[in-house]
Amino acid sequence: MIMNSPSLYLIPVTLGDTAINRVLPTYNTEIITDLRFFIVENVRSARRFMKKCNPAINIDGLTFFELNENSDRKNLERMLTPMMEGNSMGIISDAGCPAVADPGADVVAIAQRLGYKVIPLVGPSSILMAVMASGFNGQSFAFNGYLPIDGNERVKKLKHLESRAYNEDQTQLFIETPYRNNKMAEDILQHCRPSTRLCIAMNISCEDEFIVSKSVKAWKNNLPDLHKKPCIFLIYKG
C-alpha cells in the first residue's frame, strides 16, 4: 500500500465527532496503519484519531513530531529525518485537510524542495464543502483565513472583501476563533450591505450541521448561536 520510495502522505481528519466511514475512505485507514512516522498538530488528538480509524493500531510503536504555531520554523527540516532514512511519513492536522490553513504547509514546502513525493489523501475540506453548499460562485472564490482582531481593522477588511465580492464576482470565505464567532456575525450584519449574501456554515459533516445562505438583511435578528462551534463565513454579492 505504501509507495516504495519515501513519500509524504497528507492525511485528512474528521471535522468533528463524525463516524470515520462517513467521511474517510478505507484506503486512508490502510495508509495510517502502514505508516510509523507522523508529523501532527497535536499528539493527543492525533493518537485519538488514529485509534478511531483502527482500534488495533500499536500507538506506542509510532513516532510523532509535533508541529503547531509554537514550533521553531528553523527545525522543520529535521522532522523529515525519517524520510531521509528511507521511511514514508504522514501529516495529520487537528481537523480537516492538512496544509490548508494549517502549519503543515511549511513541511510540505520543504518536502517538495527536497524532491520527495507528496500524496494528498481524500477527505473532508470545510472550505470546499462550504462553497459547495452555499449557492455562491464556485468558479471564483478566495479563502482569507482569520480577519484582524482589532475592531476597526476588521471592519476595513470586511468592507474590502465585500467590494471584491461585487467587483470581481468572487465568493469570499473567512473564519474566526470559535469563541468570537457571534461577534464576527454581528460585525458582518452591522457593516455589510443589506443585499450582500452571507452563508454561515457551522459544524460541517457533523450531526448538527448548519449551512444556510441569506441576505444580510434577512439574517438580522435571526442569527443562530455560533459560540464555540467551528464555522466558516462566506459573503457574496447580492
Protein backbone atom coordinates (compact mmCIF):
# COMPACT_ATOMS: atom_id res chain seq x y z
CA MET A 1 0.00 0.00 0.00
CA ILE A 2 2.83 2.44 0.89
CA MET A 3 4.97 3.68 -2.00
CA ASN A 4 8.41 2.03 -2.29
CA SER A 5 10.17 5.40 -2.32
CA PRO A 6 9.77 7.68 0.73
CA SER A 7 6.54 9.65 0.39
CA LEU A 8 4.76 12.26 2.48
CA TYR A 9 1.07 11.42 2.94
CA LEU A 10 -1.34 14.25 3.76
CA ILE A 11 -3.99 12.59 5.92
CA PRO A 12 -7.36 14.38 6.40
CA VAL A 13 -9.13 14.20 9.77
CA THR A 14 -12.85 14.30 10.54
CA LEU A 15 -14.20 17.81 11.14
CA GLY A 16 -15.88 16.82 14.38
CA ASP A 17 -17.22 13.79 16.20
CA THR A 18 -18.21 12.13 12.94
CA ALA A 19 -18.07 8.42 12.08
CA ILE A 20 -14.88 7.63 10.16
CA ASN A 21 -16.69 5.64 7.46
CA ARG A 22 -18.96 8.61 6.75
CA VAL A 23 -16.20 10.93 5.53
CA LEU A 24 -12.99 8.94 5.02
CA PRO A 25 -12.29 6.05 2.62
CA THR A 26 -10.93 2.73 3.87
CA TYR A 27 -7.74 3.42 1.90
CA ASN A 28 -6.83 6.18 4.37
CA THR A 29 -7.04 3.79 7.31
CA GLU A 30 -4.81 1.33 5.48
CA ILE A 31 -2.21 4.04 4.90
CA ILE A 32 -2.34 5.15 8.54
CA THR A 33 -1.89 1.56 9.70
CA ASP A 34 1.18 1.07 7.49
CA LEU A 35 2.99 4.27 8.48
CA ARG A 36 5.28 4.56 11.52
CA PHE A 37 6.26 8.23 11.47
CA PHE A 38 3.89 11.18 11.72
CA ILE A 39 4.03 14.98 11.85
CA VAL A 40 1.00 16.14 13.80
CA GLU A 41 -0.50 19.36 15.09
CA ASN A 42 -1.35 17.80 18.45
CA VAL A 43 -0.08 14.38 19.56
CA ARG A 44 -3.01 13.60 21.84
CA SER A 45 -5.70 14.36 19.26
CA ALA A 46 -3.71 12.55 16.55
CA ARG A 47 -3.44 9.42 18.67
CA ARG A 48 -7.17 9.56 19.42
CA PHE A 49 -7.99 9.93 15.70
CA MET A 50 -5.74 7.02 14.74
CA LYS A 51 -7.29 4.74 17.36
CA LYS A 52 -10.69 5.68 15.97
CA CYS A 53 -9.51 4.69 12.49
CA ASN A 54 -8.03 1.39 13.67
CA PRO A 55 -8.53 0.31 17.31
CA ALA A 56 -5.86 -2.38 16.84
CA ILE A 57 -3.10 0.04 15.86
CA ASN A 58 0.00 -0.05 18.07
CA ILE A 59 0.20 3.61 19.05
CA ASP A 60 3.24 3.08 21.29
CA GLY A 61 5.21 1.81 18.30
CA LEU A 62 4.80 5.09 16.43
CA THR A 63 6.93 8.23 16.38
CA PHE A 64 5.31 11.66 16.45
CA PHE A 65 6.78 15.07 15.64
CA GLU A 66 4.59 17.93 16.85
CA LEU A 67 4.13 20.90 14.51
CA ASN A 68 1.98 23.85 15.55
CA GLU A 69 2.14 27.64 15.87
CA ASN A 70 4.71 27.30 18.66
CA SER A 71 7.16 25.18 16.64
CA ASP A 72 10.55 26.63 15.71
CA ARG A 73 10.46 27.04 11.92
CA LYS A 74 14.24 26.63 11.79
CA ASN A 75 13.92 22.98 12.84
CA LEU A 76 11.20 21.86 10.46
CA GLU A 77 13.53 20.07 8.06
CA ARG A 78 14.67 17.81 10.92
CA MET A 79 11.13 16.46 11.16
CA LEU A 80 11.69 14.82 7.77
CA THR A 81 14.71 12.86 9.03
CA PRO A 82 12.78 9.53 8.78
CA MET A 83 12.22 10.23 5.07
CA MET A 84 15.92 10.89 4.59
CA GLU A 85 16.42 7.45 6.12
CA GLY A 86 14.04 5.83 3.63
CA ASN A 87 10.72 5.93 5.51
CA SER A 88 7.40 7.35 4.40
CA MET A 89 5.62 9.76 6.73
CA GLY A 90 2.16 11.17 7.33
CA ILE A 91 0.95 14.65 8.26
CA ILE A 92 -2.16 14.94 10.44
CA SER A 93 -3.91 18.21 11.32
CA ASP A 94 -6.34 18.72 14.20
CA ALA A 95 -9.28 18.73 11.78
CA GLY A 96 -9.87 18.66 8.05
CA CYS A 97 -7.13 18.64 5.43
CA PRO A 98 -3.51 19.17 6.49
CA ALA A 99 -1.54 22.04 4.93
CA VAL A 100 -4.72 24.05 4.24
CA ALA A 101 -4.92 26.92 6.74
CA ASP A 102 -2.54 24.72 8.71
CA PRO A 103 1.18 24.84 9.69
CA GLY A 104 1.73 21.56 7.83
CA ALA A 105 2.10 23.60 4.65
CA ASP A 106 5.63 24.58 5.72
CA VAL A 107 6.73 20.94 5.90
CA VAL A 108 5.10 20.15 2.56
CA ALA A 109 7.09 23.01 1.01
CA ILE A 110 10.32 21.51 2.37
CA ALA A 111 9.40 18.02 1.10
CA GLN A 112 8.73 19.47 -2.35
CA ARG A 113 12.04 21.33 -2.32
CA LEU A 114 13.90 18.15 -1.35
CA GLY A 115 12.22 16.21 -4.16
CA TYR A 116 10.03 13.83 -2.11
CA LYS A 117 6.70 12.62 -3.45
CA VAL A 118 3.77 14.33 -1.71
CA ILE A 119 0.48 12.39 -1.72
CA PRO A 120 -2.77 14.13 -0.64
CA LEU A 121 -5.44 11.69 0.53
CA VAL A 122 -9.17 12.18 0.06
CA GLY A 123 -11.08 13.66 2.99
CA PRO A 124 -13.35 16.47 4.21
CA SER A 125 -12.41 20.07 3.48
CA SER A 126 -14.65 22.54 5.29
CA ILE A 127 -13.64 25.23 2.80
CA LEU A 128 -14.75 23.33 -0.30
CA MET A 129 -17.82 21.85 1.37
CA ALA A 130 -18.94 25.31 2.45
CA VAL A 131 -18.54 26.66 -1.10
CA MET A 132 -20.42 23.66 -2.49
CA ALA A 133 -23.40 24.18 -0.19
CA SER A 134 -23.54 28.00 -0.22
CA GLY A 135 -25.01 28.54 -3.66
CA PHE A 136 -22.38 31.23 -4.23
CA ASN A 137 -19.83 31.45 -7.06
CA GLY A 138 -17.84 28.21 -7.14
CA GLN A 139 -15.82 29.26 -10.20
CA SER A 140 -14.00 32.04 -8.37
CA PHE A 141 -13.58 32.12 -4.61
CA ALA A 142 -10.92 33.16 -2.09
CA PHE A 143 -10.19 31.85 1.37
CA ASN A 144 -8.93 34.69 3.57
CA GLY A 145 -8.23 32.86 6.82
CA TYR A 146 -8.66 34.89 10.02
CA LEU A 147 -9.64 38.55 9.83
CA PRO A 148 -7.94 41.15 12.07
CA ILE A 149 -8.80 41.06 15.77
CA ASP A 150 -8.78 44.86 16.07
CA GLY A 151 -12.34 46.10 15.53
CA ASN A 152 -11.52 48.96 13.17
CA GLU A 153 -9.14 46.86 11.09
CA ARG A 154 -11.67 44.04 10.89
CA VAL A 155 -14.37 46.38 9.60
CA LYS A 156 -11.95 47.69 6.95
CA LYS A 157 -11.14 44.12 5.91
CA LEU A 158 -14.82 43.15 5.78
CA LYS A 159 -15.63 46.11 3.54
CA HIS A 160 -12.65 45.27 1.33
CA LEU A 161 -13.78 41.65 0.94
CA GLU A 162 -17.34 42.77 0.24
CA SER A 163 -16.05 45.08 -2.50
CA ARG A 164 -14.14 42.20 -4.04
CA ALA A 165 -17.27 40.05 -3.97
CA TYR A 166 -19.09 42.69 -6.04
CA ASN A 167 -16.28 43.98 -8.25
CA GLU A 168 -14.67 40.62 -9.03
CA ASP A 169 -17.78 38.41 -8.82
CA GLN A 170 -15.85 36.34 -6.29
CA THR A 171 -17.03 34.43 -3.21
CA GLN A 172 -15.08 35.49 -0.09
CA LEU A 173 -14.52 32.99 2.74
CA PHE A 174 -13.06 33.60 6.19
CA ILE A 175 -13.02 32.09 9.66
CA GLU A 176 -12.86 33.21 13.26
CA THR A 177 -11.77 31.72 16.56
CA PRO A 178 -14.91 29.79 17.68
CA TYR A 179 -15.46 31.82 20.85
CA ARG A 180 -15.59 35.02 18.74
CA ASN A 181 -18.00 33.70 16.09
CA ASN A 182 -21.02 35.57 17.39
CA LYS A 183 -19.13 38.88 17.35
CA MET A 184 -17.96 38.21 13.79
CA ALA A 185 -21.51 37.54 12.62
CA GLU A 186 -22.73 40.72 14.32
CA ASP A 187 -19.98 42.75 12.62
CA ILE A 188 -20.97 41.38 9.22
CA LEU A 189 -24.62 42.30 9.76
CA GLN A 190 -23.70 45.76 11.01
CA HIS A 191 -21.18 46.76 8.37
CA CYS A 192 -22.06 44.90 5.15
CA ARG A 193 -24.77 45.97 2.70
CA PRO A 194 -28.29 44.67 3.39
CA SER A 195 -28.33 42.99 -0.04
CA THR A 196 -24.98 41.19 0.42
CA ARG A 197 -25.44 37.47 0.80
CA LEU A 198 -23.99 35.71 3.82
CA CYS A 199 -23.61 31.96 4.23
CA ILE A 200 -22.93 30.59 7.70
CA ALA A 201 -21.51 27.05 7.54
CA MET A 202 -21.30 25.51 11.01
CA ASN A 203 -20.24 22.04 12.18
CA ILE A 204 -19.86 20.79 8.62
CA SER A 205 -20.33 17.00 8.25
CA CYS A 206 -21.47 16.65 11.88
CA GLU A 207 -24.90 15.58 13.11
CA ASP A 208 -25.91 19.18 13.85
CA GLU A 209 -24.56 20.58 10.58
CA PHE A 210 -25.95 24.02 9.72
CA ILE A 211 -25.32 25.61 6.31
CA VAL A 212 -27.67 28.46 5.41
CA SER A 213 -27.38 31.36 2.93
CA LYS A 214 -29.43 34.55 3.26
CA SER A 215 -29.07 38.25 2.60
CA VAL A 216 -27.56 40.31 5.41
CA LYS A 217 -30.96 41.95 5.85
CA ALA A 218 -32.68 38.56 6.24
CA TRP A 219 -30.11 37.39 8.83
CA LYS A 220 -30.77 40.32 11.17
CA ASN A 221 -32.47 39.15 14.37
CA ASN A 222 -32.26 35.56 13.06
CA LEU A 223 -28.71 34.51 13.86
CA PRO A 224 -28.16 31.08 15.44
CA ASP A 225 -25.84 30.71 18.42
CA LEU A 226 -22.37 30.19 16.93
CA HIS A 227 -20.40 30.26 20.17
CA LYS A 228 -17.53 27.76 20.26
CA LYS A 229 -18.74 25.98 17.13
CA PRO A 230 -16.45 25.61 14.08
CA CYS A 231 -17.77 27.99 11.42
CA ILE A 232 -16.89 29.30 8.00
CA PHE A 233 -18.37 32.61 6.86
CA LEU A 234 -18.93 33.30 3.16
CA ILE A 235 -20.05 36.56 1.59
CA TYR A 236 -21.09 37.16 -2.00
CA LYS A 237 -22.67 39.95 -3.99
CA GLY A 238 -26.42 40.50 -3.69
